[in-house]
Amino acid sequence: MAKTVQHEAVLPLWDERPPGTPADLTPDIEERSATPFRANRAMTGIAMPGLTAWVPERPNGTSIVIAPGGSYRRIVLDKEGLEIAKALAPLGVTCFLLSYRLPDEGHAGRG
């Protein structure tokens, strides 16, 4: 199988925990798949929002921000994020996967 991603890097959106983030908030990833051959992970507890850059081996100058959904209760990592990035990498598209704070996790001000 040909290598399609040259590297990935996590780019934090804040230098430190954003103001109003609960001190006890920690990331949690839940595997929700019924089959071992298809990942279906969901993430909650995002204390440090950021972008994960997927840079293809041969970038073509095009990029996209992927904001995975999850009804503002979770971020669906595989089906709504990683699978899209993997599909676009062979085409030369650089993908930025966004992890964002969720509104019901106790952030003061929710801003």
PDB file of N, CA and C in Angstrom:
ATOM      1  N   MET A   1       0.846  -1.188   0.000  1.00  0.00           N
ATOM      2  CA  MET A   1       0.000   0.000   0.000  1.00  0.00           C
ATOM      3  C   MET A   1       0.886   1.244   0.000  1.00  0.00           C
ATOM      4  N   ALA A   2       0.607   2.169  -0.864  1.00  0.00           N
ATOM      5  CA  ALA A   2       1.401   3.393  -0.978  1.00  0.00           C
ATOM      6  C   ALA A   2       1.137   4.325   0.195  1.00  0.00           C
ATOM      7  N   LYS A   3       2.189   4.975   0.611  1.00  0.00           N
ATOM      8  CA  LYS A   3       2.070   5.957   1.691  1.00  0.00           C
ATOM      9  C   LYS A   3       1.404   7.207   1.125  1.00  0.00           C
ATOM     10  N   THR A   4       0.343   7.683   1.795  1.00  0.00           N
ATOM     11  CA  THR A   4      -0.370   8.849   1.277  1.00  0.00           C
ATOM     12  C   THR A   4      -0.235  10.071   2.176  1.00  0.00           C
ATOM     13  N   VAL A   5       0.108   9.884   3.456  1.00  0.00           N
ATOM     14  CA  VAL A   5       0.255  11.016   4.359  1.00  0.00           C
ATOM     15  C   VAL A   5       1.717  11.147   4.741  1.00  0.00           C
ATOM     16  N   GLN A   6       2.279  12.313   4.459  1.00  0.00           N
ATOM     17  CA  GLN A   6       3.682  12.561   4.778  1.00  0.00           C
ATOM     18  C   GLN A   6       3.855  12.717   6.279  1.00  0.00           C
ATOM     19  N   HIS A   7       3.006  13.502   6.902  1.00  0.00           N
ATOM     20  CA  HIS A   7       3.053  13.653   8.356  1.00  0.00           C
ATOM     21  C   HIS A   7       1.751  14.259   8.856  1.00  0.00           C
ATOM     22  N   GLU A   8       1.561  14.101  10.163  1.00  0.00           N
ATOM     23  CA  GLU A   8       0.436  14.762  10.800  1.00  0.00           C
ATOM     24  C   GLU A   8       0.989  15.504  12.003  1.00  0.00           C
ATOM     25  N   ALA A   9       0.350  16.624  12.322  1.00  0.00           N
ATOM     26  CA  ALA A   9       0.787  17.449  13.442  1.00  0.00           C
ATOM     27  C   ALA A   9      -0.424  18.021  14.135  1.00  0.00           C
ATOM     28  N   VAL A  10      -0.373  18.100  15.457  1.00  0.00           N
ATOM     29  CA  VAL A  10      -1.461  18.697  16.227  1.00  0.00           C
ATOM     30  C   VAL A  10      -1.107  20.158  16.496  1.00  0.00           C
ATOM     31  N   LEU A  11      -2.015  21.038  16.115  1.00  0.00           N
ATOM     32  CA  LEU A  11      -1.829  22.477  16.288  1.00  0.00           C
ATOM     33  C   LEU A  11      -2.852  22.967  17.317  1.00  0.00           C
ATOM     34  N   PRO A  12      -2.431  23.261  18.551  1.00  0.00           N
ATOM     35  CA  PRO A  12      -3.392  23.741  19.550  1.00  0.00           C
ATOM     36  C   PRO A  12      -3.927  25.124  19.174  1.00  0.00           C
ATOM     37  N   LEU A  13      -5.193  25.368  19.494  1.00  0.00           N
ATOM     38  CA  LEU A  13      -5.793  26.671  19.226  1.00  0.00           C
ATOM     39  C   LEU A  13      -5.545  27.658  20.363  1.00  0.00           C
ATOM     40  N   TRP A  14      -5.117  27.159  21.513  1.00  0.00           N
ATOM     41  CA  TRP A  14      -4.790  27.977  22.679  1.00  0.00           C
ATOM     42  C   TRP A  14      -3.414  27.556  23.173  1.00  0.00           C
ATOM     43  N   ASP A  15      -2.668  28.485  23.774  1.00  0.00           N
ATOM     44  CA  ASP A  15      -1.369  28.153  24.367  1.00  0.00           C
ATOM     45  C   ASP A  15      -1.532  27.346  25.653  1.00  0.00           C
ATOM     46  N   GLU A  16      -2.620  27.564  26.336  1.00  0.00           N
ATOM     47  CA  GLU A  16      -2.926  26.847  27.576  1.00  0.00           C
ATOM     48  C   GLU A  16      -4.421  26.595  27.614  1.00  0.00           C
ATOM     49  N   ARG A  17      -4.904  25.934  28.652  1.00  0.00           N
ATOM     50  CA  ARG A  17      -6.342  25.645  28.747  1.00  0.00           C
ATOM     51  C   ARG A  17      -7.142  26.923  28.559  1.00  0.00           C
ATOM     52  N   PRO A  18      -8.158  26.889  27.703  1.00  0.00           N
ATOM     53  CA  PRO A  18      -8.963  28.087  27.477  1.00  0.00           C
ATOM     54  C   PRO A  18      -9.653  28.541  28.771  1.00  0.00           C
ATOM     55  N   PRO A  19      -9.866  29.842  28.936  1.00  0.00           N
ATOM     56  CA  PRO A  19     -10.556  30.344  30.124  1.00  0.00           C
ATOM     57  C   PRO A  19     -11.929  29.697  30.258  1.00  0.00           C
ATOM     58  N   GLY A  20     -12.290  29.373  31.484  1.00  0.00           N
ATOM     59  CA  GLY A  20     -13.600  28.805  31.754  1.00  0.00           C
ATOM     60  C   GLY A  20     -13.695  27.306  31.583  1.00  0.00           C
ATOM     61  N   THR A  21     -12.581  26.652  31.207  1.00  0.00           N
ATOM     62  CA  THR A  21     -12.591  25.195  31.055  1.00  0.00           C
ATOM     63  C   THR A  21     -12.526  24.553  32.433  1.00  0.00           C
ATOM     64  N   PRO A  22     -13.437  23.618  32.727  1.00  0.00           N
ATOM     65  CA  PRO A  22     -13.407  22.952  34.031  1.00  0.00           C
ATOM     66  C   PRO A  22     -12.067  22.260  34.278  1.00  0.00           C
ATOM     67  N   ALA A  23     -11.554  22.363  35.485  1.00  0.00           N
ATOM     68  CA  ALA A  23     -10.251  21.791  35.830  1.00  0.00           C
ATOM     69  C   ALA A  23     -10.236  20.271  35.721  1.00  0.00           C
ATOM     70  N   ASP A  24     -11.374  19.624  35.927  1.00  0.00           N
ATOM     71  CA  ASP A  24     -11.419  18.163  35.913  1.00  0.00           C
ATOM     72  C   ASP A  24     -11.786  17.575  34.549  1.00  0.00           C
ATOM     73  N   LEU A  25     -11.877  18.392  33.527  1.00  0.00           N
ATOM     74  CA  LEU A  25     -12.250  17.919  32.193  1.00  0.00           C
ATOM     75  C   LEU A  25     -11.060  17.226  31.533  1.00  0.00           C
ATOM     76  N   THR A  26     -11.243  15.958  31.167  1.00  0.00           N
ATOM     77  CA  THR A  26     -10.186  15.201  30.501  1.00  0.00           C
ATOM     78  C   THR A  26     -10.765  14.502  29.281  1.00  0.00           C
ATOM     79  N   PRO A  27      -9.959  14.333  28.227  1.00  0.00           N
ATOM     80  CA  PRO A  27     -10.451  13.682  27.014  1.00  0.00           C
ATOM     81  C   PRO A  27     -10.838  12.223  27.269  1.00  0.00           C
ATOM     82  N   ASP A  28     -11.916  11.820  26.618  1.00  0.00           N
ATOM     83  CA  ASP A  28     -12.380  10.440  26.707  1.00  0.00           C
ATOM     84  C   ASP A  28     -12.762   9.993  25.300  1.00  0.00           C
ATOM     85  N   ILE A  29     -12.223   8.860  24.873  1.00  0.00           N
ATOM     86  CA  ILE A  29     -12.542   8.315  23.553  1.00  0.00           C
ATOM     87  C   ILE A  29     -13.253   6.982  23.762  1.00  0.00           C
ATOM     88  N   GLU A  30     -14.435   6.890  23.186  1.00  0.00           N
ATOM     89  CA  GLU A  30     -15.260   5.695  23.313  1.00  0.00           C
ATOM     90  C   GLU A  30     -15.341   4.987  21.965  1.00  0.00           C
ATOM     91  N   GLU A  31     -15.078   3.689  21.965  1.00  0.00           N
ATOM     92  CA  GLU A  31     -15.242   2.882  20.761  1.00  0.00           C
ATOM     93  C   GLU A  31     -16.688   2.403  20.726  1.00  0.00           C
ATOM     94  N   ARG A  32     -17.407   2.724  19.641  1.00  0.00           N
ATOM     95  CA  ARG A  32     -18.829   2.409  19.541  1.00  0.00           C
ATOM     96  C   ARG A  32     -19.141   1.385  18.463  1.00  0.00           C
ATOM     97  N   SER A  33     -18.127   0.800  17.849  1.00  0.00           N
ATOM     98  CA  SER A  33     -18.327  -0.125  16.733  1.00  0.00           C
ATOM     99  C   SER A  33     -18.743  -1.507  17.207  1.00  0.00           C
ATOM    100  N   ALA A  34     -19.582  -2.148  16.412  1.00  0.00           N
ATOM    101  CA  ALA A  34     -20.001  -3.521  16.697  1.00  0.00           C
ATOM    102  C   ALA A  34     -19.088  -4.529  16.012  1.00  0.00           C
ATOM    103  N   THR A  35     -18.196  -4.052  15.158  1.00  0.00           N
ATOM    104  CA  THR A  35     -17.291  -4.943  14.433  1.00  0.00           C
ATOM    105  C   THR A  35     -15.848  -4.493  14.628  1.00  0.00           C
ATOM    106  N   PRO A  36     -14.924  -5.428  14.776  1.00  0.00           N
ATOM    107  CA  PRO A  36     -13.527  -5.042  14.988  1.00  0.00           C
ATOM    108  C   PRO A  36     -12.841  -4.484  13.740  1.00  0.00           C
ATOM    109  N   PHE A  37     -13.484  -4.608  12.580  1.00  0.00           N
ATOM    110  CA  PHE A  37     -12.858  -4.149  11.334  1.00  0.00           C
ATOM    111  C   PHE A  37     -13.287  -2.747  10.921  1.00  0.00           C
ATOM    112  N   ARG A  38     -14.105  -2.096  11.727  1.00  0.00           N
ATOM    113  CA  ARG A  38     -14.561  -0.745  11.385  1.00  0.00           C
ATOM    114  C   ARG A  38     -14.585   0.098  12.651  1.00  0.00           C
ATOM    115  N   ALA A  39     -13.637   1.006  12.763  1.00  0.00           N
ATOM    116  CA  ALA A  39     -13.568   1.874  13.938  1.00  0.00           C
ATOM    117  C   ALA A  39     -14.712   2.885  13.909  1.00  0.00           C
ATOM    118  N   ASN A  40     -15.261   3.168  15.062  1.00  0.00           N
ATOM    119  CA  ASN A  40     -16.330   4.169  15.210  1.00  0.00           C
ATOM    120  C   ASN A  40     -16.160   4.819  16.576  1.00  0.00           C
ATOM    121  N   ARG A  41     -15.131   5.655  16.664  1.00  0.00           N
ATOM    122  CA  ARG A  41     -14.807   6.287  17.939  1.00  0.00           C
ATOM    123  C   ARG A  41     -15.473   7.649  18.068  1.00  0.00           C
ATOM    124  N   ALA A  42     -15.818   7.989  19.317  1.00  0.00           N
ATOM    125  CA  ALA A  42     -16.383   9.298  19.626  1.00  0.00           C
ATOM    126  C   ALA A  42     -15.596   9.883  20.796  1.00  0.00           C
ATOM    127  N   MET A  43     -15.354  11.180  20.728  1.00  0.00           N
ATOM    128  CA  MET A  43     -14.547  11.847  21.745  1.00  0.00           C
ATOM    129  C   MET A  43     -15.378  12.884  22.487  1.00  0.00           C
ATOM    130  N   THR A  44     -15.184  12.942  23.781  1.00  0.00           N
ATOM    131  CA  THR A  44     -15.769  13.976  24.634  1.00  0.00           C
ATOM    132  C   THR A  44     -14.656  14.508  25.539  1.00  0.00           C
ATOM    133  N   GLY A  45     -14.969  15.505  26.325  1.00  0.00           N
ATOM    134  CA  GLY A  45     -13.989  16.031  27.270  1.00  0.00           C
ATOM    135  C   GLY A  45     -12.859  16.797  26.622  1.00  0.00           C
ATOM    136  N   ILE A  46     -13.159  17.575  25.604  1.00  0.00           N
ATOM    137  CA  ILE A  46     -12.118  18.324  24.900  1.00  0.00           C
ATOM    138  C   ILE A  46     -11.780  19.582  25.706  1.00  0.00           C
ATOM    139  N   ALA A  47     -10.666  19.538  26.394  1.00  0.00           N
ATOM    140  CA  ALA A  47     -10.232  20.683  27.187  1.00  0.00           C
ATOM    141  C   ALA A  47      -9.337  21.611  26.369  1.00  0.00           C
ATOM    142  N   MET A  48      -8.606  21.030  25.406  1.00  0.00           N
ATOM    143  CA  MET A  48      -7.694  21.803  24.561  1.00  0.00           C
ATOM    144  C   MET A  48      -8.093  21.639  23.102  1.00  0.00           C
ATOM    145  N   PRO A  49      -8.917  22.548  22.577  1.00  0.00           N
ATOM    146  CA  PRO A  49      -9.294  22.454  21.166  1.00  0.00           C
ATOM    147  C   PRO A  49      -8.074  22.634  20.267  1.00  0.00           C
ATOM    148  N   GLY A  50      -8.146  22.021  19.088  1.00  0.00           N
ATOM    149  CA  GLY A  50      -7.012  22.134  18.181  1.00  0.00           C
ATOM    150  C   GLY A  50      -7.335  21.613  16.797  1.00  0.00           C
ATOM    151  N   LEU A  51      -6.339  21.684  15.958  1.00  0.00           N
ATOM    152  CA  LEU A  51      -6.417  21.161  14.595  1.00  0.00           C
ATOM    153  C   LEU A  51      -5.343  20.092  14.441  1.00  0.00           C
ATOM    154  N   THR A  52      -5.707  18.963  13.865  1.00  0.00           N
ATOM    155  CA  THR A  52      -4.727  17.948  13.515  1.00  0.00           C
ATOM    156  C   THR A  52      -4.547  18.029  12.010  1.00  0.00           C
ATOM    157  N   ALA A  53      -3.350  18.393  11.594  1.00  0.00           N
ATOM    158  CA  ALA A  53      -3.055  18.571  10.170  1.00  0.00           C
ATOM    159  C   ALA A  53      -2.606  17.244   9.577  1.00  0.00           C
ATOM    160  N   TRP A  54      -3.271  16.831   8.499  1.00  0.00           N
ATOM    161  CA  TRP A  54      -2.879  15.663   7.712  1.00  0.00           C
ATOM    162  C   TRP A  54      -2.312  16.186   6.404  1.00  0.00           C
ATOM    163  N   VAL A  55      -0.998  16.131   6.282  1.00  0.00           N
ATOM    164  CA  VAL A  55      -0.322  16.647   5.093  1.00  0.00           C
ATOM    165  C   VAL A  55       0.010  15.465   4.191  1.00  0.00           C
ATOM    166  N   PRO A  56      -0.526  15.455   2.958  1.00  0.00           N
ATOM    167  CA  PRO A  56      -0.259  14.327   2.064  1.00  0.00           C
ATOM    168  C   PRO A  56       1.183  14.307   1.581  1.00  0.00           C
ATOM    169  N   GLU A  57       1.590  13.157   1.104  1.00  0.00           N
ATOM    170  CA  GLU A  57       2.948  12.995   0.585  1.00  0.00           C
ATOM    171  C   GLU A  57       3.221  13.970  -0.560  1.00  0.00           C
ATOM    172  N   ARG A  58       2.208  14.204  -1.388  1.00  0.00           N
ATOM    173  CA  ARG A  58       2.339  15.141  -2.511  1.00  0.00           C
ATOM    174  C   ARG A  58       1.216  16.174  -2.432  1.00  0.00           C
ATOM    175  N   PRO A  59       1.351  17.201  -1.586  1.00  0.00           N
ATOM    176  CA  PRO A  59       0.291  18.205  -1.462  1.00  0.00           C
ATOM    177  C   PRO A  59       0.102  18.971  -2.763  1.00  0.00           C
ATOM    178  N   ASN A  60      -1.158  19.269  -3.107  1.00  0.00           N
ATOM    179  CA  ASN A  60      -1.447  19.987  -4.349  1.00  0.00           C
ATOM    180  C   ASN A  60      -1.817  21.454  -4.114  1.00  0.00           C
ATOM    181  N   GLY A  61      -1.693  21.924  -2.875  1.00  0.00           N
ATOM    182  CA  GLY A  61      -2.005  23.318  -2.571  1.00  0.00           C
ATOM    183  C   GLY A  61      -3.427  23.537  -2.089  1.00  0.00           C
ATOM    184  N   THR A  62      -4.238  22.502  -2.082  1.00  0.00           N
ATOM    185  CA  THR A  62      -5.616  22.594  -1.626  1.00  0.00           C
ATOM    186  C   THR A  62      -5.689  22.124  -0.178  1.00  0.00           C
ATOM    187  N   SER A  63      -6.511  22.785   0.622  1.00  0.00           N
ATOM    188  CA  SER A  63      -6.702  22.338   2.000  1.00  0.00           C
ATOM    189  C   SER A  63      -8.160  22.481   2.381  1.00  0.00           C
ATOM    190  N   ILE A  64      -8.539  21.781   3.436  1.00  0.00           N
ATOM    191  CA  ILE A  64      -9.912  21.802   3.923  1.00  0.00           C
ATOM    192  C   ILE A  64      -9.887  21.640   5.442  1.00  0.00           C
ATOM    193  N   VAL A  65     -10.811  22.320   6.123  1.00  0.00           N
ATOM    194  CA  VAL A  65     -11.014  22.118   7.549  1.00  0.00           C
ATOM    195  C   VAL A  65     -12.192  21.166   7.697  1.00  0.00           C
ATOM    196  N   ILE A  66     -11.971  20.073   8.402  1.00  0.00           N
ATOM    197  CA  ILE A  66     -13.023  19.091   8.647  1.00  0.00           C
ATOM    198  C   ILE A  66     -13.452  19.232  10.098  1.00  0.00           C
ATOM    199  N   ALA A  67     -14.713  19.601  10.298  1.00  0.00           N
ATOM    200  CA  ALA A  67     -15.279  19.746  11.649  1.00  0.00           C
ATOM    201  C   ALA A  67     -16.248  18.582  11.870  1.00  0.00           C
ATOM    202  N   PRO A  68     -15.766  17.471  12.429  1.00  0.00           N
ATOM    203  CA  PRO A  68     -16.629  16.307  12.610  1.00  0.00           C
ATOM    204  C   PRO A  68     -17.837  16.630  13.487  1.00  0.00           C
ATOM    205  N   GLY A  69     -18.961  16.051  13.127  1.00  0.00           N
ATOM    206  CA  GLY A  69     -20.181  16.278  13.884  1.00  0.00           C
ATOM    207  C   GLY A  69     -20.300  15.343  15.067  1.00  0.00           C
ATOM    208  N   GLY A  70     -21.463  15.397  15.700  1.00  0.00           N
ATOM    209  CA  GLY A  70     -21.751  14.558  16.855  1.00  0.00           C
ATOM    210  C   GLY A  70     -22.831  15.159  17.734  1.00  0.00           C
ATOM    211  N   SER A  71     -23.676  15.999  17.128  1.00  0.00           N
ATOM    212  CA  SER A  71     -24.819  16.606  17.827  1.00  0.00           C
ATOM    213  C   SER A  71     -24.409  17.486  19.005  1.00  0.00           C
ATOM    214  N   TYR A  72     -23.213  18.064  18.948  1.00  0.00           N
ATOM    215  CA  TYR A  72     -22.671  18.889  20.025  1.00  0.00           C
ATOM    216  C   TYR A  72     -22.602  18.155  21.357  1.00  0.00           C
ATOM    217  N   ARG A  73     -22.653  16.802  21.324  1.00  0.00           N
ATOM    218  CA  ARG A  73     -22.494  15.995  22.533  1.00  0.00           C
ATOM    219  C   ARG A  73     -21.206  15.196  22.495  1.00  0.00           C
ATOM    220  N   ARG A  74     -20.630  15.052  21.297  1.00  0.00           N
ATOM    221  CA  ARG A  74     -19.408  14.283  21.099  1.00  0.00           C
ATOM    222  C   ARG A  74     -18.833  14.699  19.750  1.00  0.00           C
ATOM    223  N   ILE A  75     -17.608  14.287  19.487  1.00  0.00           N
ATOM    224  CA  ILE A  75     -17.005  14.457  18.170  1.00  0.00           C
ATOM    225  C   ILE A  75     -16.785  13.053  17.614  1.00  0.00           C
ATOM    226  N   VAL A  76     -17.385  12.757  16.460  1.00  0.00           N
ATOM    227  CA  VAL A  76     -17.276  11.440  15.829  1.00  0.00           C
ATOM    228  C   VAL A  76     -15.977  11.434  15.021  1.00  0.00           C
ATOM    229  N   LEU A  77     -14.964  10.793  15.575  1.00  0.00           N
ATOM    230  CA  LEU A  77     -13.614  10.866  15.025  1.00  0.00           C
ATOM    231  C   LEU A  77     -13.436  10.161  13.685  1.00  0.00           C
ATOM    232  N   ASP A  78     -13.918   8.947  13.576  1.00  0.00           N
ATOM    233  CA  ASP A  78     -13.614   8.142  12.389  1.00  0.00           C
ATOM    234  C   ASP A  78     -14.543   8.454  11.224  1.00  0.00           C
ATOM    235  N   LYS A  79     -15.819   8.190  11.371  1.00  0.00           N
ATOM    236  CA  LYS A  79     -16.764   8.319  10.254  1.00  0.00           C
ATOM    237  C   LYS A  79     -16.894   9.751   9.741  1.00  0.00           C
ATOM    238  N   GLU A  80     -16.736  10.733  10.616  1.00  0.00           N
ATOM    239  CA  GLU A  80     -16.961  12.118  10.199  1.00  0.00           C
ATOM    240  C   GLU A  80     -15.690  12.955  10.192  1.00  0.00           C
ATOM    241  N   GLY A  81     -14.548  12.309  10.373  1.00  0.00           N
ATOM    242  CA  GLY A  81     -13.288  13.038  10.378  1.00  0.00           C
ATOM    243  C   GLY A  81     -12.178  12.296   9.669  1.00  0.00           C
ATOM    244  N   LEU A  82     -11.645  11.281  10.319  1.00  0.00           N
ATOM    245  CA  LEU A  82     -10.484  10.569   9.813  1.00  0.00           C
ATOM    246  C   LEU A  82     -10.723   9.899   8.460  1.00  0.00           C
ATOM    247  N   GLU A  83     -11.892   9.311   8.264  1.00  0.00           N
ATOM    248  CA  GLU A  83     -12.170   8.656   6.978  1.00  0.00           C
ATOM    249  C   GLU A  83     -12.186   9.662   5.824  1.00  0.00           C
ATOM    250  N   ILE A  84     -12.649  10.866   6.078  1.00  0.00           N
ATOM    251  CA  ILE A  84     -12.651  11.908   5.053  1.00  0.00           C
ATOM    252  C   ILE A  84     -11.210  12.313   4.725  1.00  0.00           C
ATOM    253  N   ALA A  85     -10.397  12.512   5.767  1.00  0.00           N
ATOM    254  CA  ALA A  85      -8.996  12.880   5.552  1.00  0.00           C
ATOM    255  C   ALA A  85      -8.250  11.791   4.788  1.00  0.00           C
ATOM    256  N   LYS A  86      -8.503  10.535   5.119  1.00  0.00           N
ATOM    257  CA  LYS A  86      -7.844   9.431   4.419  1.00  0.00           C
ATOM    258  C   LYS A  86      -8.269   9.363   2.953  1.00  0.00           C
ATOM    259  N   ALA A  87      -9.505   9.701   2.661  1.00  0.00           N
ATOM    260  CA  ALA A  87      -9.982   9.680   1.277  1.00  0.00           C
ATOM    261  C   ALA A  87      -9.385  10.822   0.454  1.00  0.00           C
ATOM    262  N   LEU A  88      -9.139  11.958   1.085  1.00  0.00           N
ATOM    263  CA  LEU A  88      -8.630  13.129   0.366  1.00  0.00           C
ATOM    264  C   LEU A  88      -7.107  13.145   0.230  1.00  0.00           C
ATOM    265  N   ALA A  89      -6.399  12.467   1.106  1.00  0.00           N
ATOM    266  CA  ALA A  89      -4.931  12.474   1.071  1.00  0.00           C
ATOM    267  C   ALA A  89      -4.364  11.986  -0.264  1.00  0.00           C
ATOM    268  N   PRO A  90      -4.869  10.896  -0.849  1.00  0.00           N
ATOM    269  CA  PRO A  90      -4.314  10.462  -2.147  1.00  0.00           C
ATOM    270  C   PRO A  90      -4.534  11.477  -3.266  1.00  0.00           C
ATOM    271  N   LEU A  91      -5.481  12.384  -3.084  1.00  0.00           N
ATOM    272  CA  LEU A  91      -5.746  13.423  -4.080  1.00  0.00           C
ATOM    273  C   LEU A  91      -4.861  14.653  -3.873  1.00  0.00           C
ATOM    274  N   GLY A  92      -4.047  14.641  -2.811  1.00  0.00           N
ATOM    275  CA  GLY A  92      -3.137  15.750  -2.530  1.00  0.00           C
ATOM    276  C   GLY A  92      -3.721  16.833  -1.660  1.00  0.00           C
ATOM    277  N   VAL A  93      -4.886  16.601  -1.068  1.00  0.00           N
ATOM    278  CA  VAL A  93      -5.552  17.618  -0.249  1.00  0.00           C
ATOM    279  C   VAL A  93      -5.042  17.542   1.184  1.00  0.00           C
ATOM    280  N   THR A  94      -4.563  18.668   1.710  1.00  0.00           N
ATOM    281  CA  THR A  94      -4.168  18.763   3.114  1.00  0.00           C
ATOM    282  C   THR A  94      -5.427  18.973   3.937  1.00  0.00           C
ATOM    283  N   CYS A  95      -5.598  18.156   4.964  1.00  0.00           N
ATOM    284  CA  CYS A  95      -6.806  18.216   5.793  1.00  0.00           C
ATOM    285  C   CYS A  95      -6.455  18.665   7.201  1.00  0.00           C
ATOM    286  N   PHE A  96      -7.297  19.520   7.754  1.00  0.00           N
ATOM    287  CA  PHE A  96      -7.168  19.966   9.133  1.00  0.00           C
ATOM    288  C   PHE A  96      -8.402  19.484   9.880  1.00  0.00           C
ATOM    289  N   LEU A  97      -8.216  18.508  10.774  1.00  0.00           N
ATOM    290  CA  LEU A  97      -9.325  17.958  11.550  1.00  0.00           C
ATOM    291  C   LEU A  97      -9.472  18.779  12.830  1.00  0.00           C
ATOM    292  N   LEU A  98     -10.640  19.339  13.033  1.00  0.00           N
ATOM    293  CA  LEU A  98     -10.902  20.227  14.163  1.00  0.00           C
ATOM    294  C   LEU A  98     -11.450  19.455  15.355  1.00  0.00           C
ATOM    295  N   SER A  99     -10.850  19.666  16.518  1.00  0.00           N
ATOM    296  CA  SER A  99     -11.438  19.211  17.781  1.00  0.00           C
ATOM    297  C   SER A  99     -11.858  20.478  18.524  1.00  0.00           C
ATOM    298  N   TYR A 100     -13.097  20.502  18.941  1.00  0.00           N
ATOM    299  CA  TYR A 100     -13.653  21.716  19.523  1.00  0.00           C
ATOM    300  C   TYR A 100     -14.339  21.405  20.848  1.00  0.00           C
ATOM    301  N   ARG A 101     -14.491  22.456  21.686  1.00  0.00           N
ATOM    302  CA  ARG A 101     -15.150  22.273  22.976  1.00  0.00           C
ATOM    303  C   ARG A 101     -16.639  22.025  22.756  1.00  0.00           C
ATOM    304  N   LEU A 102     -17.218  21.225  23.632  1.00  0.00           N
ATOM    305  CA  LEU A 102     -18.623  20.872  23.538  1.00  0.00           C
ATOM    306  C   LEU A 102     -19.429  21.688  24.553  1.00  0.00           C
ATOM    307  N   PRO A 103     -20.597  22.188  24.170  1.00  0.00           N
ATOM    308  CA  PRO A 103     -21.304  23.163  25.003  1.00  0.00           C
ATOM    309  C   PRO A 103     -21.792  22.652  26.368  1.00  0.00           C
ATOM    310  N   ASP A 104     -22.046  21.384  26.517  1.00  0.00           N
ATOM    311  CA  ASP A 104     -22.588  20.882  27.792  1.00  0.00           C
ATOM    312  C   ASP A 104     -21.532  20.275  28.708  1.00  0.00           C
ATOM    313  N   GLU A 105     -20.294  20.669  28.554  1.00  0.00           N
ATOM    314  CA  GLU A 105     -19.231  20.108  29.382  1.00  0.00           C
ATOM    315  C   GLU A 105     -18.756  21.074  30.457  1.00  0.00           C
ATOM    316  N   GLY A 106     -19.551  22.080  30.774  1.00  0.00           N
ATOM    317  CA  GLY A 106     -19.270  22.938  31.909  1.00  0.00           C
ATOM    318  C   GLY A 106     -18.342  24.104  31.670  1.00  0.00           C
ATOM    319  N   HIS A 107     -18.145  24.508  30.441  1.00  0.00           N
ATOM    320  CA  HIS A 107     -17.280  25.655  30.153  1.00  0.00           C
ATOM    321  C   HIS A 107     -17.978  26.943  30.591  1.00  0.00           C
ATOM    322  N   ALA A 108     -17.328  27.722  31.427  1.00  0.00           N
ATOM    323  CA  ALA A 108     -17.883  29.001  31.879  1.00  0.00           C
ATOM    324  C   ALA A 108     -17.939  29.956  30.695  1.00  0.00           C
ATOM    325  N   GLY A 109     -19.062  30.609  30.495  1.00  0.00           N
ATOM    326  CA  GLY A 109     -19.212  31.580  29.422  1.00  0.00           C
ATOM    327  C   GLY A 109     -19.429  30.953  28.069  1.00  0.00           C
ATOM    328  N   ARG A 110     -19.064  29.690  27.903  1.00  0.00           N
ATOM    329  CA  ARG A 110     -19.230  28.955  26.653  1.00  0.00           C
ATOM    330  C   ARG A 110     -18.716  29.695  25.430  1.00  0.00           C
ATOM    331  N   GLY A 111     -17.737  30.586  25.610  1.00  0.00           N
ATOM    332  CA  GLY A 111     -17.235  31.358  24.486  1.00  0.00           C
ATOM    333  C   GLY A 111     -16.038  30.797  23.825  1.00  0.00           C
TER     334      GLY A 111
END
